[in-house]
N, C-alpha and C. Protein backbone atom coordinates (compact mmCIF):
# COMPACT_ATOMS: atom_id res chain seq x y z
N MET A 1 -34.95 11.02 -18.51
CA MET A 1 -34.30 10.77 -17.24
C MET A 1 -33.82 12.11 -16.67
N ASN A 2 -34.20 12.39 -15.42
CA ASN A 2 -33.81 13.67 -14.82
C ASN A 2 -32.49 13.52 -14.05
N PHE A 3 -31.99 14.65 -13.56
CA PHE A 3 -30.69 14.67 -12.87
C PHE A 3 -30.67 13.73 -11.67
N ASP A 4 -31.73 13.73 -10.87
CA ASP A 4 -31.78 12.89 -9.67
C ASP A 4 -31.67 11.41 -10.03
N GLN A 5 -32.33 10.98 -11.08
CA GLN A 5 -32.26 9.58 -11.50
C GLN A 5 -30.85 9.23 -11.98
N ILE A 6 -30.25 10.14 -12.74
CA ILE A 6 -28.88 9.90 -13.21
C ILE A 6 -27.93 9.83 -12.03
N ASP A 7 -28.10 10.76 -11.10
CA ASP A 7 -27.25 10.79 -9.91
C ASP A 7 -27.40 9.50 -9.09
N ARG A 8 -28.61 9.04 -8.90
CA ARG A 8 -28.85 7.79 -8.16
C ARG A 8 -28.23 6.59 -8.88
N SER A 9 -28.33 6.59 -10.18
CA SER A 9 -27.78 5.50 -10.98
C SER A 9 -26.25 5.46 -10.87
N ILE A 10 -25.64 6.61 -10.98
CA ILE A 10 -24.18 6.70 -10.87
C ILE A 10 -23.74 6.30 -9.46
N SER A 11 -24.44 6.79 -8.46
CA SER A 11 -24.12 6.46 -7.07
C SER A 11 -24.25 4.96 -6.82
N ALA A 12 -25.29 4.34 -7.34
CA ALA A 12 -25.49 2.90 -7.18
C ALA A 12 -24.36 2.12 -7.86
N PHE A 13 -23.95 2.57 -9.03
CA PHE A 13 -22.83 1.92 -9.74
C PHE A 13 -21.56 2.00 -8.90
N MET A 14 -21.28 3.18 -8.37
CA MET A 14 -20.06 3.35 -7.57
C MET A 14 -20.13 2.52 -6.29
N ARG A 15 -21.30 2.45 -5.65
CA ARG A 15 -21.47 1.66 -4.44
C ARG A 15 -21.26 0.17 -4.75
N ARG A 16 -21.76 -0.27 -5.89
CA ARG A 16 -21.67 -1.68 -6.28
C ARG A 16 -20.23 -2.08 -6.61
N TRP A 17 -19.50 -1.23 -7.31
CA TRP A 17 -18.18 -1.61 -7.84
C TRP A 17 -16.99 -0.97 -7.14
N GLY A 18 -17.21 0.04 -6.32
CA GLY A 18 -16.11 0.78 -5.70
C GLY A 18 -15.18 -0.05 -4.84
N THR A 19 -15.74 -0.84 -3.93
CA THR A 19 -14.90 -1.63 -3.03
C THR A 19 -14.14 -2.70 -3.80
N LEU A 20 -14.80 -3.34 -4.74
CA LEU A 20 -14.11 -4.33 -5.57
C LEU A 20 -12.96 -3.67 -6.34
N ALA A 21 -13.20 -2.48 -6.86
CA ALA A 21 -12.13 -1.76 -7.58
C ALA A 21 -10.98 -1.43 -6.64
N LEU A 22 -11.28 -1.01 -5.41
CA LEU A 22 -10.22 -0.73 -4.43
C LEU A 22 -9.43 -1.99 -4.10
N ARG A 23 -10.13 -3.08 -3.82
CA ARG A 23 -9.44 -4.35 -3.48
C ARG A 23 -8.54 -4.80 -4.63
N THR A 24 -9.09 -4.74 -5.84
CA THR A 24 -8.33 -5.18 -7.01
C THR A 24 -7.13 -4.26 -7.24
N SER A 25 -7.33 -2.96 -7.10
CA SER A 25 -6.23 -2.02 -7.27
C SER A 25 -5.12 -2.27 -6.25
N LEU A 26 -5.51 -2.45 -5.00
CA LEU A 26 -4.51 -2.75 -3.96
C LEU A 26 -3.76 -4.03 -4.30
N GLY A 27 -4.50 -5.04 -4.71
CA GLY A 27 -3.88 -6.30 -5.07
C GLY A 27 -2.89 -6.17 -6.21
N VAL A 28 -3.32 -5.53 -7.27
CA VAL A 28 -2.45 -5.37 -8.45
C VAL A 28 -1.20 -4.55 -8.10
N ILE A 29 -1.39 -3.43 -7.41
CA ILE A 29 -0.25 -2.57 -7.07
C ILE A 29 0.76 -3.31 -6.21
N PHE A 30 0.29 -4.01 -5.17
CA PHE A 30 1.23 -4.70 -4.29
C PHE A 30 1.92 -5.87 -4.98
N ILE A 31 1.20 -6.60 -5.79
CA ILE A 31 1.84 -7.70 -6.53
C ILE A 31 2.87 -7.14 -7.51
N TRP A 32 2.48 -6.14 -8.28
CA TRP A 32 3.35 -5.57 -9.30
C TRP A 32 4.60 -4.95 -8.69
N PHE A 33 4.42 -4.03 -7.73
CA PHE A 33 5.58 -3.38 -7.13
C PHE A 33 6.39 -4.35 -6.29
N GLY A 34 5.72 -5.31 -5.67
CA GLY A 34 6.42 -6.29 -4.85
C GLY A 34 7.31 -7.21 -5.67
N ILE A 35 6.80 -7.72 -6.76
CA ILE A 35 7.58 -8.69 -7.57
C ILE A 35 8.81 -8.04 -8.19
N LEU A 36 8.77 -6.73 -8.38
CA LEU A 36 9.94 -6.04 -8.93
C LEU A 36 11.15 -6.17 -8.01
N LYS A 37 10.92 -6.24 -6.71
CA LYS A 37 12.02 -6.28 -5.74
C LYS A 37 12.85 -7.56 -5.85
N PRO A 38 12.26 -8.76 -5.77
CA PRO A 38 13.11 -9.95 -5.91
C PRO A 38 13.69 -10.12 -7.31
N LEU A 39 13.08 -9.49 -8.30
CA LEU A 39 13.61 -9.55 -9.66
C LEU A 39 14.73 -8.54 -9.89
N GLY A 40 15.00 -7.70 -8.89
CA GLY A 40 16.05 -6.69 -9.02
C GLY A 40 15.68 -5.54 -9.93
N LEU A 41 14.39 -5.27 -10.10
CA LEU A 41 13.92 -4.24 -11.02
C LEU A 41 13.26 -3.05 -10.33
N SER A 42 13.27 -3.02 -9.01
CA SER A 42 12.55 -1.98 -8.29
C SER A 42 13.40 -0.72 -8.13
N PRO A 43 12.85 0.43 -8.53
CA PRO A 43 13.57 1.68 -8.29
C PRO A 43 13.62 2.04 -6.80
N ALA A 44 12.82 1.34 -5.98
CA ALA A 44 12.83 1.59 -4.53
C ALA A 44 13.92 0.81 -3.81
N GLU A 45 14.63 -0.05 -4.51
CA GLU A 45 15.63 -0.91 -3.88
C GLU A 45 16.68 -0.13 -3.07
N PRO A 46 17.30 0.91 -3.61
CA PRO A 46 18.29 1.64 -2.80
C PRO A 46 17.69 2.24 -1.53
N LEU A 47 16.46 2.71 -1.61
CA LEU A 47 15.80 3.27 -0.43
C LEU A 47 15.55 2.20 0.62
N VAL A 48 15.11 1.04 0.18
CA VAL A 48 14.88 -0.08 1.11
C VAL A 48 16.20 -0.47 1.77
N ILE A 49 17.24 -0.64 0.99
CA ILE A 49 18.55 -1.04 1.52
C ILE A 49 19.06 -0.02 2.53
N ALA A 50 18.94 1.26 2.20
CA ALA A 50 19.41 2.30 3.12
C ALA A 50 18.59 2.31 4.41
N THR A 51 17.33 1.95 4.33
CA THR A 51 16.45 1.97 5.50
C THR A 51 16.71 0.79 6.43
N VAL A 52 17.05 -0.36 5.88
CA VAL A 52 17.14 -1.58 6.70
C VAL A 52 18.56 -1.96 7.12
N ARG A 53 19.52 -1.12 6.85
CA ARG A 53 20.92 -1.43 7.19
C ARG A 53 21.11 -1.86 8.64
N TRP A 54 20.35 -1.30 9.54
CA TRP A 54 20.50 -1.56 10.97
C TRP A 54 19.84 -2.87 11.41
N LEU A 55 18.99 -3.46 10.55
CA LEU A 55 18.28 -4.68 10.95
C LEU A 55 19.22 -5.89 11.02
N PRO A 56 19.01 -6.74 12.01
CA PRO A 56 19.85 -7.94 12.12
C PRO A 56 19.39 -9.03 11.16
N LEU A 57 20.10 -10.11 11.18
CA LEU A 57 19.78 -11.36 10.47
C LEU A 57 20.19 -11.39 9.00
N PHE A 58 19.83 -10.37 8.23
CA PHE A 58 20.09 -10.41 6.79
C PHE A 58 20.75 -9.12 6.33
N ASN A 59 21.37 -9.18 5.14
CA ASN A 59 21.90 -7.96 4.55
C ASN A 59 20.78 -7.22 3.82
N GLY A 60 21.06 -6.02 3.36
CA GLY A 60 20.04 -5.19 2.72
C GLY A 60 19.40 -5.82 1.50
N GLU A 61 20.20 -6.49 0.69
CA GLU A 61 19.66 -7.11 -0.53
C GLU A 61 18.66 -8.21 -0.19
N MET A 62 18.95 -8.97 0.87
CA MET A 62 18.02 -10.03 1.27
C MET A 62 16.73 -9.42 1.83
N TRP A 63 16.86 -8.31 2.56
CA TRP A 63 15.65 -7.64 3.06
C TRP A 63 14.79 -7.13 1.90
N VAL A 64 15.41 -6.68 0.82
CA VAL A 64 14.65 -6.23 -0.35
C VAL A 64 13.81 -7.39 -0.88
N ILE A 65 14.41 -8.57 -0.96
CA ILE A 65 13.69 -9.75 -1.44
C ILE A 65 12.55 -10.11 -0.48
N ILE A 66 12.82 -10.08 0.81
CA ILE A 66 11.79 -10.39 1.81
C ILE A 66 10.63 -9.40 1.71
N VAL A 67 10.96 -8.11 1.65
CA VAL A 67 9.93 -7.08 1.54
C VAL A 67 9.12 -7.28 0.26
N GLY A 68 9.80 -7.60 -0.84
CA GLY A 68 9.11 -7.82 -2.11
C GLY A 68 8.10 -8.95 -2.03
N TRP A 69 8.51 -10.08 -1.49
CA TRP A 69 7.58 -11.22 -1.39
C TRP A 69 6.46 -10.92 -0.39
N TRP A 70 6.79 -10.17 0.67
CA TRP A 70 5.77 -9.74 1.63
C TRP A 70 4.69 -8.92 0.91
N GLU A 71 5.15 -8.00 0.05
CA GLU A 71 4.21 -7.17 -0.71
C GLU A 71 3.38 -8.01 -1.68
N VAL A 72 3.98 -9.01 -2.29
CA VAL A 72 3.23 -9.91 -3.17
C VAL A 72 2.14 -10.61 -2.37
N ALA A 73 2.49 -11.06 -1.16
CA ALA A 73 1.51 -11.72 -0.29
C ALA A 73 0.37 -10.77 0.06
N ILE A 74 0.70 -9.52 0.35
CA ILE A 74 -0.34 -8.52 0.63
C ILE A 74 -1.27 -8.41 -0.57
N GLY A 75 -0.68 -8.28 -1.75
CA GLY A 75 -1.48 -8.14 -2.96
C GLY A 75 -2.40 -9.32 -3.21
N ILE A 76 -1.87 -10.51 -3.07
CA ILE A 76 -2.69 -11.71 -3.29
C ILE A 76 -3.84 -11.76 -2.30
N THR A 77 -3.56 -11.45 -1.04
CA THR A 77 -4.62 -11.54 -0.03
C THR A 77 -5.68 -10.43 -0.18
N PHE A 78 -5.35 -9.34 -0.84
CA PHE A 78 -6.37 -8.33 -1.13
C PHE A 78 -7.28 -8.75 -2.28
N LEU A 79 -6.81 -9.62 -3.14
CA LEU A 79 -7.61 -10.00 -4.30
C LEU A 79 -8.82 -10.85 -3.96
N PHE A 80 -8.78 -11.51 -2.82
CA PHE A 80 -9.86 -12.42 -2.45
C PHE A 80 -10.57 -11.93 -1.19
N ARG A 81 -11.86 -11.88 -1.26
CA ARG A 81 -12.65 -11.37 -0.14
C ARG A 81 -12.39 -12.14 1.14
N LYS A 82 -12.22 -13.44 1.03
CA LYS A 82 -12.03 -14.29 2.22
C LYS A 82 -10.68 -14.07 2.89
N THR A 83 -9.74 -13.43 2.22
CA THR A 83 -8.41 -13.24 2.82
C THR A 83 -8.11 -11.78 3.18
N ILE A 84 -9.12 -10.94 3.15
CA ILE A 84 -8.91 -9.54 3.53
C ILE A 84 -8.40 -9.44 4.97
N ARG A 85 -8.90 -10.32 5.85
CA ARG A 85 -8.47 -10.29 7.26
C ARG A 85 -6.98 -10.62 7.40
N ILE A 86 -6.41 -11.28 6.43
CA ILE A 86 -4.97 -11.53 6.42
C ILE A 86 -4.24 -10.33 5.82
N ALA A 87 -4.82 -9.75 4.78
CA ALA A 87 -4.20 -8.62 4.08
C ALA A 87 -3.98 -7.43 5.00
N ILE A 88 -4.94 -7.13 5.84
CA ILE A 88 -4.88 -5.92 6.66
C ILE A 88 -3.69 -5.94 7.63
N PRO A 89 -3.50 -7.01 8.44
CA PRO A 89 -2.32 -6.98 9.32
C PRO A 89 -0.99 -7.04 8.55
N LEU A 90 -0.96 -7.76 7.43
CA LEU A 90 0.26 -7.78 6.61
C LEU A 90 0.58 -6.37 6.13
N LEU A 91 -0.45 -5.65 5.70
CA LEU A 91 -0.27 -4.28 5.23
C LEU A 91 0.17 -3.37 6.38
N ALA A 92 -0.45 -3.53 7.54
CA ALA A 92 -0.11 -2.68 8.69
C ALA A 92 1.37 -2.82 9.04
N LEU A 93 1.88 -4.04 9.07
CA LEU A 93 3.30 -4.25 9.37
C LEU A 93 4.19 -3.66 8.28
N GLN A 94 3.79 -3.82 7.03
CA GLN A 94 4.57 -3.30 5.92
C GLN A 94 4.61 -1.77 5.95
N MET A 95 3.50 -1.15 6.33
CA MET A 95 3.45 0.31 6.35
C MET A 95 4.37 0.90 7.42
N VAL A 96 4.55 0.20 8.53
CA VAL A 96 5.51 0.67 9.54
C VAL A 96 6.88 0.83 8.89
N GLY A 97 7.31 -0.19 8.16
CA GLY A 97 8.59 -0.13 7.47
C GLY A 97 8.64 0.91 6.37
N THR A 98 7.52 1.07 5.69
CA THR A 98 7.45 2.02 4.59
C THR A 98 7.67 3.45 5.05
N PHE A 99 7.16 3.80 6.22
CA PHE A 99 7.29 5.17 6.71
C PHE A 99 8.62 5.43 7.42
N MET A 100 9.40 4.40 7.69
CA MET A 100 10.66 4.56 8.41
C MET A 100 11.64 5.53 7.76
N PRO A 101 11.77 5.56 6.42
CA PRO A 101 12.73 6.50 5.83
C PRO A 101 12.43 7.97 6.16
N LEU A 102 11.18 8.30 6.41
CA LEU A 102 10.86 9.68 6.77
C LEU A 102 11.58 10.09 8.06
N ILE A 103 11.82 9.10 8.93
CA ILE A 103 12.50 9.36 10.20
C ILE A 103 13.99 9.05 10.10
N LEU A 104 14.32 7.90 9.50
CA LEU A 104 15.72 7.47 9.45
C LEU A 104 16.54 8.15 8.36
N LEU A 105 15.88 8.58 7.30
CA LEU A 105 16.60 9.15 6.15
C LEU A 105 15.98 10.48 5.70
N PRO A 106 15.86 11.44 6.60
CA PRO A 106 15.23 12.71 6.20
C PRO A 106 16.00 13.41 5.09
N GLU A 107 17.31 13.17 5.00
CA GLU A 107 18.10 13.81 3.94
C GLU A 107 17.74 13.25 2.56
N VAL A 108 17.11 12.08 2.53
CA VAL A 108 16.68 11.47 1.28
C VAL A 108 15.21 11.80 0.99
N THR A 109 14.40 11.94 2.03
CA THR A 109 12.96 12.07 1.85
C THR A 109 12.44 13.51 1.87
N PHE A 110 13.31 14.46 2.30
CA PHE A 110 12.89 15.86 2.32
C PHE A 110 13.94 16.73 1.66
N GLN A 111 13.51 17.76 0.94
CA GLN A 111 14.41 18.70 0.30
C GLN A 111 15.17 19.48 1.38
N ALA A 112 16.45 19.58 1.23
CA ALA A 112 17.29 20.23 2.24
C ALA A 112 16.86 21.65 2.53
N THR A 113 16.44 22.37 1.52
CA THR A 113 16.11 23.79 1.71
C THR A 113 14.63 24.03 2.06
N HIS A 114 13.84 22.96 2.10
CA HIS A 114 12.41 23.13 2.36
C HIS A 114 11.91 22.28 3.53
N GLY A 115 12.81 21.82 4.38
CA GLY A 115 12.44 21.14 5.61
C GLY A 115 11.38 20.07 5.46
N PRO A 116 10.59 19.88 6.49
CA PRO A 116 9.63 18.78 6.49
C PRO A 116 8.38 19.02 5.64
N TYR A 117 8.23 20.20 5.07
CA TYR A 117 7.05 20.45 4.24
C TYR A 117 7.35 20.29 2.75
N GLY A 118 8.60 20.01 2.38
CA GLY A 118 8.98 19.85 0.98
C GLY A 118 9.58 18.48 0.72
N PRO A 119 8.73 17.45 0.55
CA PRO A 119 9.28 16.12 0.32
C PRO A 119 9.96 16.01 -1.05
N THR A 120 10.93 15.14 -1.11
CA THR A 120 11.55 14.78 -2.38
C THR A 120 10.63 13.79 -3.09
N MET A 121 11.04 13.31 -4.24
CA MET A 121 10.25 12.31 -4.95
C MET A 121 10.09 11.06 -4.07
N GLU A 122 11.16 10.68 -3.38
CA GLU A 122 11.08 9.53 -2.48
C GLU A 122 10.11 9.80 -1.34
N GLY A 123 10.16 11.00 -0.79
CA GLY A 123 9.24 11.37 0.28
C GLY A 123 7.79 11.34 -0.18
N GLN A 124 7.55 11.85 -1.38
CA GLN A 124 6.19 11.81 -1.93
C GLN A 124 5.72 10.37 -2.13
N TYR A 125 6.61 9.52 -2.59
CA TYR A 125 6.32 8.09 -2.80
C TYR A 125 5.87 7.45 -1.49
N ILE A 126 6.50 7.86 -0.40
CA ILE A 126 6.16 7.31 0.92
C ILE A 126 4.86 7.92 1.44
N ILE A 127 4.74 9.24 1.37
CA ILE A 127 3.58 9.92 1.93
C ILE A 127 2.29 9.51 1.23
N LYS A 128 2.34 9.18 -0.04
CA LYS A 128 1.14 8.74 -0.75
C LYS A 128 0.57 7.46 -0.17
N ASN A 129 1.36 6.77 0.64
CA ASN A 129 0.86 5.56 1.28
C ASN A 129 -0.26 5.84 2.28
N LEU A 130 -0.44 7.09 2.67
CA LEU A 130 -1.60 7.44 3.48
C LEU A 130 -2.89 7.07 2.74
N LEU A 131 -2.88 7.25 1.42
CA LEU A 131 -4.03 6.89 0.61
C LEU A 131 -4.23 5.37 0.60
N ILE A 132 -3.15 4.63 0.54
CA ILE A 132 -3.24 3.16 0.58
C ILE A 132 -3.82 2.71 1.92
N ILE A 133 -3.38 3.33 3.00
CA ILE A 133 -3.91 3.00 4.33
C ILE A 133 -5.41 3.29 4.37
N SER A 134 -5.82 4.43 3.84
CA SER A 134 -7.24 4.79 3.81
C SER A 134 -8.05 3.80 2.98
N ALA A 135 -7.52 3.41 1.83
CA ALA A 135 -8.20 2.43 0.99
C ALA A 135 -8.33 1.10 1.73
N ALA A 136 -7.28 0.70 2.44
CA ALA A 136 -7.33 -0.54 3.20
C ALA A 136 -8.37 -0.46 4.32
N LEU A 137 -8.52 0.70 4.93
CA LEU A 137 -9.55 0.87 5.95
C LEU A 137 -10.95 0.67 5.36
N VAL A 138 -11.17 1.22 4.18
CA VAL A 138 -12.46 1.06 3.52
C VAL A 138 -12.70 -0.41 3.19
N VAL A 139 -11.71 -1.05 2.60
CA VAL A 139 -11.85 -2.47 2.24
C VAL A 139 -12.02 -3.32 3.50
N GLY A 140 -11.20 -3.06 4.52
CA GLY A 140 -11.30 -3.81 5.77
C GLY A 140 -12.65 -3.64 6.44
N GLY A 141 -13.26 -2.50 6.25
CA GLY A 141 -14.58 -2.25 6.82
C GLY A 141 -15.68 -3.06 6.19
N THR A 142 -15.38 -3.78 5.12
CA THR A 142 -16.40 -4.58 4.44
C THR A 142 -16.37 -6.05 4.84
N VAL A 143 -15.42 -6.48 5.63
CA VAL A 143 -15.29 -7.93 5.88
C VAL A 143 -16.49 -8.53 6.59
N ARG A 144 -17.22 -7.75 7.34
CA ARG A 144 -18.38 -8.28 8.04
C ARG A 144 -19.70 -7.92 7.34
N ARG A 145 -19.60 -7.18 6.26
CA ARG A 145 -20.81 -6.72 5.58
C ARG A 145 -21.74 -7.87 5.20
N SER A 146 -21.23 -8.90 4.55
CA SER A 146 -22.08 -10.01 4.13
C SER A 146 -22.63 -10.77 5.33
N GLU A 147 -21.84 -10.85 6.42
CA GLU A 147 -22.30 -11.51 7.63
C GLU A 147 -23.45 -10.72 8.27
N GLU A 148 -23.32 -9.40 8.27
CA GLU A 148 -24.34 -8.55 8.90
C GLU A 148 -25.62 -8.53 8.09
N VAL A 149 -25.50 -8.63 6.77
CA VAL A 149 -26.69 -8.65 5.91
C VAL A 149 -27.44 -9.95 6.12
N ALA A 150 -26.70 -11.03 6.28
CA ALA A 150 -27.31 -12.37 6.45
C ALA A 150 -27.89 -12.48 7.83
């Protein structure tokens, strides 16, 4: 077997399993991190509470529970191909809230001596969501694939 054949084989494997791996990863991450919130086990709880203080209707602790179950719903809908169209808008709304601390709580999300280019651990946690958005774009781009092939 020469290099080109090996390369084609590896590429075919990645093409076959890559999107499923992305969908499953998104599902597992959102279910896992989401369920920690209503169970009171999430290290992100103080950040969520500090971010949502201004929101009406509920106190911060209740918003943590709502956000947690919302994330569980995102995760479940990513696990099934037929519900990707539900997952994407749920994720889009959740991401708006996720990025809010960068604006509302810069003293928490950025190092005081390194301005906007030196995120704290919390800032890094938020900024890495750009990768989640990109993964969701890839997964969302597959919803019509089977329809177009047929």
